[in-house]
């Protein structure tokens, strides 16, 4: 972990009453469940490890494909890129409201912002893991239930938020859709600040959305409200190492690089992880494979 970085705002919405004056940093991330026990000490915390041995295939998801409205347009859309001291966040504005429905979501959800989590090295950085393995980055598109007036109001309800999570992998070539964001990073890299950037079609940033994991969880930063329907997609976004390094070069304005800004995986407890695709037996966890090998060895000794 990097040097302590204290931030006096909640990750998703600083204007919430319970966020004012809240101080947290990734330097004490392993203590959030006790320091912020009222919220971060719950039984449905995020992120989690998406373990192949517990994921349950739900064929019904195939009957409810995602529907994306205004994800393919830039007309009537404004983007504000922010360095909030612990991440790079893009807030959406304008008259064209990007919304998502289907995908077995409980309602239509409106996009408020998207942001990124990344590591200081390529072998870590994503918040969710798959069978214990990290990706170097993860992108979250934060949406709120249109049954409620805004993001603040939605946070008070169990079905208030839906977050679309995409793993990011390193490619040999730049991701052209990311160019506007990466270019804008140079304007906010060294301080907590914001800048306007040219919007691109939101869909161009996303990977294929047919295959995904689904579970019920919470925000991954204090106050960790357990109001999120999580969708984590199997297919990945690709960016170049140069582009990833532009995120790693960001600073919180106090001389500390913004890196390793991810929360460790939390206990699954009694929750169920479902998927829109059959999880291959070949992707079983190393632990499961080890147990199988030990079982065979035990039987072999008995039969000798």
Protein backbone atom coordinates (compact mmCIF):
# COMPACT_ATOMS: atom_id res chain seq x y z
CA UNK A 1 0.00 0.00 0.00
CA UNK A 2 1.01 3.58 -0.55
CA UNK A 3 1.47 6.26 2.08
CA UNK A 4 -1.71 7.34 3.91
CA UNK A 5 -4.12 9.37 1.83
CA UNK A 6 -6.96 10.91 3.79
CA UNK A 7 -10.01 11.99 1.86
CA UNK A 8 -12.80 14.10 3.35
CA UNK A 9 -15.58 12.95 1.07
CA UNK A 10 -17.51 9.81 0.26
CA UNK A 11 -16.46 8.04 -2.90
CA UNK A 12 -19.77 8.13 -4.70
CA UNK A 13 -21.48 11.31 -3.54
CA UNK A 14 -19.88 13.88 -1.23
CA UNK A 15 -23.10 15.82 -0.64
CA UNK A 16 -24.72 13.04 1.39
CA UNK A 17 -25.30 14.08 5.01
CA UNK A 18 -23.53 11.03 6.46
CA UNK A 19 -20.52 11.64 4.22
CA UNK A 20 -19.69 15.11 5.39
CA UNK A 21 -16.49 15.08 7.41
CA UNK A 22 -15.95 11.36 6.89
CA UNK A 23 -12.24 10.59 6.71
CA UNK A 24 -10.95 7.39 5.22
CA UNK A 25 -7.99 6.19 3.23
CA UNK A 26 -6.73 3.05 1.57
CA UNK A 27 -3.87 2.91 4.06
CA UNK A 28 -6.29 1.48 6.66
CA UNK A 29 -8.52 -0.43 4.26
CA UNK A 30 -8.26 -3.64 6.29
CA UNK A 31 -9.78 -1.83 9.28
CA UNK A 32 -12.83 -0.37 7.55
CA UNK A 33 -15.08 -3.15 8.82
CA UNK A 34 -14.34 -2.08 12.40
CA UNK A 35 -13.71 1.66 12.04
CA UNK A 36 -16.90 2.06 10.00
CA UNK A 37 -18.71 -0.89 11.51
CA UNK A 38 -22.20 0.60 11.12
CA UNK A 39 -21.79 0.30 7.36
CA UNK A 40 -18.63 -1.60 6.39
CA UNK A 41 -19.07 -4.39 8.93
CA UNK A 42 -22.14 -5.91 7.31
CA UNK A 43 -22.76 -9.35 5.85
CA UNK A 44 -23.11 -8.28 2.19
CA UNK A 45 -19.87 -6.41 1.59
CA UNK A 46 -18.03 -5.91 -1.69
CA UNK A 47 -15.88 -6.78 -3.55
CA UNK A 48 -15.78 -10.59 -3.49
CA UNK A 49 -13.86 -13.42 -5.10
CA UNK A 50 -15.91 -14.87 -7.96
CA UNK A 51 -15.19 -18.52 -7.22
CA UNK A 52 -15.98 -21.05 -9.90
CA UNK A 53 -16.83 -23.71 -7.35
CA UNK A 54 -19.74 -21.70 -5.92
CA UNK A 55 -21.08 -19.83 -8.97
CA UNK A 56 -24.53 -21.03 -10.01
CA UNK A 57 -25.53 -20.84 -13.67
CA UNK A 58 -28.90 -19.14 -14.22
CA UNK A 59 -30.19 -19.88 -17.73
CA UNK A 60 -33.08 -17.44 -17.17
CA UNK A 61 -30.63 -14.57 -17.66
CA UNK A 62 -30.53 -15.46 -21.36
CA UNK A 63 -34.18 -14.41 -21.60
CA UNK A 64 -33.39 -10.92 -20.29
CA UNK A 65 -30.58 -9.32 -22.32
CA UNK A 66 -29.32 -5.89 -21.33
CA UNK A 67 -30.82 -2.84 -23.01
CA UNK A 68 -28.69 0.30 -23.16
CA UNK A 69 -30.24 3.70 -23.91
CA UNK A 70 -28.02 6.60 -25.06
CA UNK A 71 -24.87 4.49 -24.60
CA UNK A 72 -24.07 4.96 -28.30
CA UNK A 73 -24.40 8.73 -28.57
CA UNK A 74 -22.33 11.76 -27.60
CA UNK A 75 -24.94 14.38 -28.54
CA UNK A 76 -26.36 16.10 -25.49
CA UNK A 77 -23.78 14.52 -23.19
CA UNK A 78 -21.10 16.21 -21.10
CA UNK A 79 -18.25 14.49 -19.28
CA UNK A 80 -16.34 15.87 -16.30
CA UNK A 81 -13.14 14.04 -15.40
CA UNK A 82 -12.26 14.30 -11.70
CA UNK A 83 -9.27 13.46 -9.58
CA UNK A 84 -11.01 13.07 -6.23
CA UNK A 85 -7.86 12.13 -4.35
CA UNK A 86 -8.28 8.38 -4.66
CA UNK A 87 -9.46 7.64 -8.18
CA UNK A 88 -10.17 8.94 -11.66
CA UNK A 89 -13.91 9.48 -12.01
CA UNK A 90 -16.01 10.63 -14.97
CA UNK A 91 -19.34 12.24 -14.12
CA UNK A 92 -22.01 12.29 -16.82
CA UNK A 93 -24.20 15.31 -17.45
CA UNK A 94 -26.22 16.91 -20.22
CA UNK A 95 -29.66 16.23 -21.60
CA UNK A 96 -29.15 12.72 -23.00
CA UNK A 97 -29.53 10.40 -20.02
CA UNK A 98 -27.71 7.09 -20.34
CA UNK A 99 -29.85 4.31 -18.89
CA UNK A 100 -29.65 0.53 -18.61
CA UNK A 101 -32.38 -2.04 -18.12
CA UNK A 102 -32.85 -5.76 -18.71
CA UNK A 103 -30.10 -8.09 -17.62
CA UNK A 104 -32.50 -9.25 -14.87
CA UNK A 105 -32.05 -5.88 -13.14
CA UNK A 106 -35.01 -4.94 -10.92
CA UNK A 107 -35.78 -1.74 -12.87
CA UNK A 108 -34.30 0.86 -15.23
CA UNK A 109 -31.12 2.46 -13.90
CA UNK A 110 -29.55 5.78 -14.86
CA UNK A 111 -25.80 6.25 -15.19
CA UNK A 112 -24.34 8.78 -12.76
CA UNK A 113 -20.60 8.22 -13.21
CA UNK A 114 -17.89 5.69 -13.88
CA UNK A 115 -14.51 5.33 -12.24
CA UNK A 116 -11.44 3.10 -12.06
CA UNK A 117 -9.46 1.03 -9.58
CA UNK A 118 -5.89 -0.02 -10.40
CA UNK A 119 -2.72 -1.49 -8.97
CA UNK A 120 0.86 -0.33 -8.72
CA UNK A 121 1.89 -3.53 -10.53
CA UNK A 122 0.19 -5.61 -13.19
CA UNK A 123 -0.61 -8.54 -10.91
CA UNK A 124 -3.05 -6.55 -8.75
CA UNK A 125 -5.49 -3.69 -9.00
CA UNK A 126 -8.99 -5.01 -9.64
CA UNK A 127 -11.41 -5.09 -6.75
CA UNK A 128 -13.14 -8.32 -7.68
CA UNK A 129 -11.05 -11.40 -8.34
CA UNK A 130 -11.80 -14.58 -10.28
CA UNK A 131 -10.71 -17.72 -8.48
CA UNK A 132 -8.28 -15.59 -6.51
CA UNK A 133 -6.68 -13.94 -9.55
CA UNK A 134 -6.52 -10.16 -10.01
CA UNK A 135 -6.67 -8.02 -13.12
CA UNK A 136 -4.53 -4.84 -13.22
CA UNK A 137 -7.58 -2.56 -13.34
CA UNK A 138 -11.36 -2.55 -12.94
CA UNK A 139 -13.90 -0.04 -14.26
CA UNK A 140 -17.21 0.56 -12.48
CA UNK A 141 -20.21 2.20 -14.12
CA UNK A 142 -22.40 3.45 -11.26
CA UNK A 143 -26.13 3.68 -11.93
CA UNK A 144 -29.14 4.43 -9.73
CA UNK A 145 -32.69 3.13 -9.80
CA UNK A 146 -34.97 5.56 -11.65
CA UNK A 147 -37.71 4.75 -9.15
CA UNK A 148 -35.90 7.27 -6.95
CA UNK A 149 -35.26 10.95 -7.63
CA UNK A 150 -31.47 10.85 -7.64
CA UNK A 151 -28.41 8.96 -6.48
CA UNK A 152 -28.67 10.33 -2.95
CA UNK A 153 -32.25 9.14 -2.55
CA UNK A 154 -31.46 5.76 -4.10
CA UNK A 155 -28.78 5.03 -1.48
CA UNK A 156 -31.52 4.71 1.13
CA UNK A 157 -33.04 1.67 -0.58
CA UNK A 158 -31.91 -1.94 -0.92
CA UNK A 159 -32.46 -1.84 -4.68
CA UNK A 160 -31.06 1.68 -5.08
CA UNK A 161 -27.88 1.10 -7.09
CA UNK A 162 -26.62 -1.18 -9.83
CA UNK A 163 -22.93 -1.20 -10.66
CA UNK A 164 -21.57 -2.61 -13.91
CA UNK A 165 -18.03 -3.87 -13.38
CA UNK A 166 -15.52 -4.52 -16.15
CA UNK A 167 -12.10 -6.07 -15.73
CA UNK A 168 -9.29 -4.35 -17.65
CA UNK A 169 -6.38 -6.20 -19.25
CA UNK A 170 -3.16 -4.91 -20.80
CA UNK A 171 -2.91 -4.93 -24.58
CA UNK A 172 -0.08 -4.23 -27.01
CA UNK A 173 -2.02 -1.30 -28.51
CA UNK A 174 -3.81 1.75 -27.17
CA UNK A 175 -7.56 1.67 -26.62
CA UNK A 176 -8.75 4.54 -28.84
CA UNK A 177 -11.99 4.92 -26.88
CA UNK A 178 -9.93 5.67 -23.77
CA UNK A 179 -7.87 8.39 -25.48
CA UNK A 180 -10.06 11.27 -24.27
CA UNK A 181 -9.85 10.11 -20.66
CA UNK A 182 -6.12 9.42 -20.75
CA UNK A 183 -5.44 12.83 -22.33
CA UNK A 184 -7.56 14.52 -19.67
CA UNK A 185 -5.64 12.82 -16.89
CA UNK A 186 -2.69 15.12 -17.54
CA UNK A 187 -4.85 18.09 -16.48
CA UNK A 188 -5.84 16.58 -13.13
CA UNK A 189 -2.93 14.24 -12.40
CA UNK A 190 -1.20 16.27 -9.72
CA UNK A 191 -4.07 17.64 -7.64
CA UNK A 192 -7.66 17.12 -6.56
CA UNK A 193 -9.37 18.88 -9.44
CA UNK A 194 -11.60 18.37 -12.45
CA UNK A 195 -11.68 19.15 -16.16
CA UNK A 196 -14.12 18.81 -19.03
CA UNK A 197 -13.26 16.16 -21.61
CA UNK A 198 -14.74 15.15 -24.93
CA UNK A 199 -17.33 12.42 -24.42
CA UNK A 200 -17.28 9.22 -26.45
CA UNK A 201 -19.98 6.61 -26.85
CA UNK A 202 -20.14 4.91 -23.46
CA UNK A 203 -20.64 1.59 -25.21
CA UNK A 204 -17.22 1.96 -26.88
CA UNK A 205 -15.56 1.72 -23.45
CA UNK A 206 -17.34 -1.49 -22.54
CA UNK A 207 -16.56 -5.12 -23.25
CA UNK A 208 -19.18 -7.60 -24.44
CA UNK A 209 -22.06 -7.80 -21.94
CA UNK A 210 -23.49 -11.26 -22.71
CA UNK A 211 -21.54 -13.13 -20.04
CA UNK A 212 -21.64 -11.87 -16.48
CA UNK A 213 -21.66 -12.68 -12.78
CA UNK A 214 -24.40 -11.33 -10.50
CA UNK A 215 -24.58 -10.94 -6.73
CA UNK A 216 -25.96 -8.62 -4.07
CA UNK A 217 -23.43 -6.40 -2.32
CA UNK A 218 -22.45 -2.89 -1.37
CA UNK A 219 -20.27 0.08 -2.14
CA UNK A 220 -16.57 -0.74 -2.02
CA UNK A 221 -15.62 2.40 -0.08
CA UNK A 222 -17.01 3.89 3.13
CA UNK A 223 -19.75 4.00 3.93
CA UNK A 224 -20.10 0.61 2.20
CA UNK A 225 -23.92 0.78 1.93
CA UNK A 226 -25.31 -2.66 1.05
CA UNK A 227 -27.63 -1.39 -1.67
CA UNK A 228 -25.86 -2.55 -4.85
CA UNK A 229 -26.90 -5.08 -7.46
CA UNK A 230 -23.49 -6.07 -8.81
CA UNK A 231 -22.92 -7.19 -12.38
CA UNK A 232 -19.32 -8.15 -13.16
CA UNK A 233 -18.68 -9.04 -16.78
CA UNK A 234 -16.54 -11.94 -17.87
CA UNK A 235 -15.13 -10.32 -21.03
CA UNK A 236 -12.47 -7.69 -20.48
CA UNK A 237 -11.61 -4.18 -21.63
CA UNK A 238 -8.15 -3.81 -23.19
CA UNK A 239 -5.80 -0.85 -22.69
CA UNK A 240 -2.10 -0.40 -23.32
CA UNK A 241 0.56 -0.34 -20.62
CA UNK A 242 1.21 3.31 -21.51
CA UNK A 243 -2.43 4.17 -20.88
CA UNK A 244 -2.47 2.29 -17.59
CA UNK A 245 0.66 4.12 -16.48
CA UNK A 246 -1.17 7.43 -17.01
CA UNK A 247 -3.55 6.39 -14.21
CA UNK A 248 -0.66 5.24 -12.03
CA UNK A 249 0.98 8.66 -12.41
CA UNK A 250 -1.91 10.40 -10.65
CA UNK A 251 -1.31 12.07 -7.31
CA UNK A 252 -3.66 13.03 -4.49
CA UNK A 253 -2.15 16.51 -4.28
CA UNK A 254 -0.31 15.64 -1.07
CA UNK A 255 2.63 13.97 -2.75
CA UNK A 256 1.21 10.44 -2.74
CA UNK A 257 0.65 8.47 -5.92
CA UNK A 258 -2.88 7.11 -6.34
CA UNK A 259 -2.19 3.40 -6.69
CA UNK A 260 -3.55 0.17 -5.22
CA UNK A 261 -6.87 1.92 -4.71
CA UNK A 262 -8.87 -1.25 -4.26
CA UNK A 263 -10.54 -2.92 -1.30
CA UNK A 264 -9.57 -6.54 -0.56
CA UNK A 265 -12.22 -9.18 -1.24
CA UNK A 266 -14.82 -9.68 1.47
CA UNK A 267 -16.53 -12.78 2.84
CA UNK A 268 -19.33 -14.17 0.70
CA UNK A 269 -21.26 -15.32 3.80
CA UNK A 270 -24.70 -16.67 2.86
CA UNK A 271 -24.93 -14.94 -0.52
CA UNK A 272 -25.27 -16.63 -3.87
CA UNK A 273 -23.23 -15.79 -6.97
CA UNK A 274 -25.07 -16.50 -10.20
CA UNK A 275 -23.91 -16.25 -13.80
CA UNK A 276 -25.37 -15.93 -17.28
CA UNK A 277 -22.97 -18.56 -18.60
CA UNK A 278 -21.97 -22.06 -17.48
CA UNK A 279 -18.76 -21.91 -15.48
CA UNK A 280 -16.32 -24.46 -16.82
CA UNK A 281 -15.10 -27.17 -14.49
CA UNK A 282 -11.64 -26.39 -15.86
CA UNK A 283 -11.76 -23.04 -14.10
CA UNK A 284 -12.25 -24.54 -10.64
CA UNK A 285 -10.17 -22.94 -7.92
CA UNK A 286 -6.73 -24.19 -7.06
CA UNK A 287 -8.02 -25.05 -3.61
CA UNK A 288 -10.73 -27.27 -5.06
CA UNK A 289 -8.23 -28.98 -7.31
CA UNK A 290 -5.93 -29.56 -4.35
CA UNK A 291 -8.71 -31.13 -2.31
CA UNK A 292 -9.53 -33.43 -5.20
CA UNK A 293 -5.90 -34.51 -5.48
CA UNK A 294 -5.73 -35.21 -1.74
CA UNK A 295 -8.91 -37.26 -1.93
CA UNK A 296 -7.48 -39.39 -4.72
CA UNK A 297 -4.25 -39.85 -2.79
CA UNK A 298 -6.17 -40.93 0.31
CA UNK A 299 -8.23 -43.47 -1.64
CA UNK A 300 -5.09 -44.76 -3.31
CA UNK A 301 -3.48 -45.46 0.09
CA UNK A 302 -6.60 -47.26 1.30
CA UNK A 303 -6.73 -49.49 -1.76
CA UNK A 304 -3.05 -50.45 -1.62
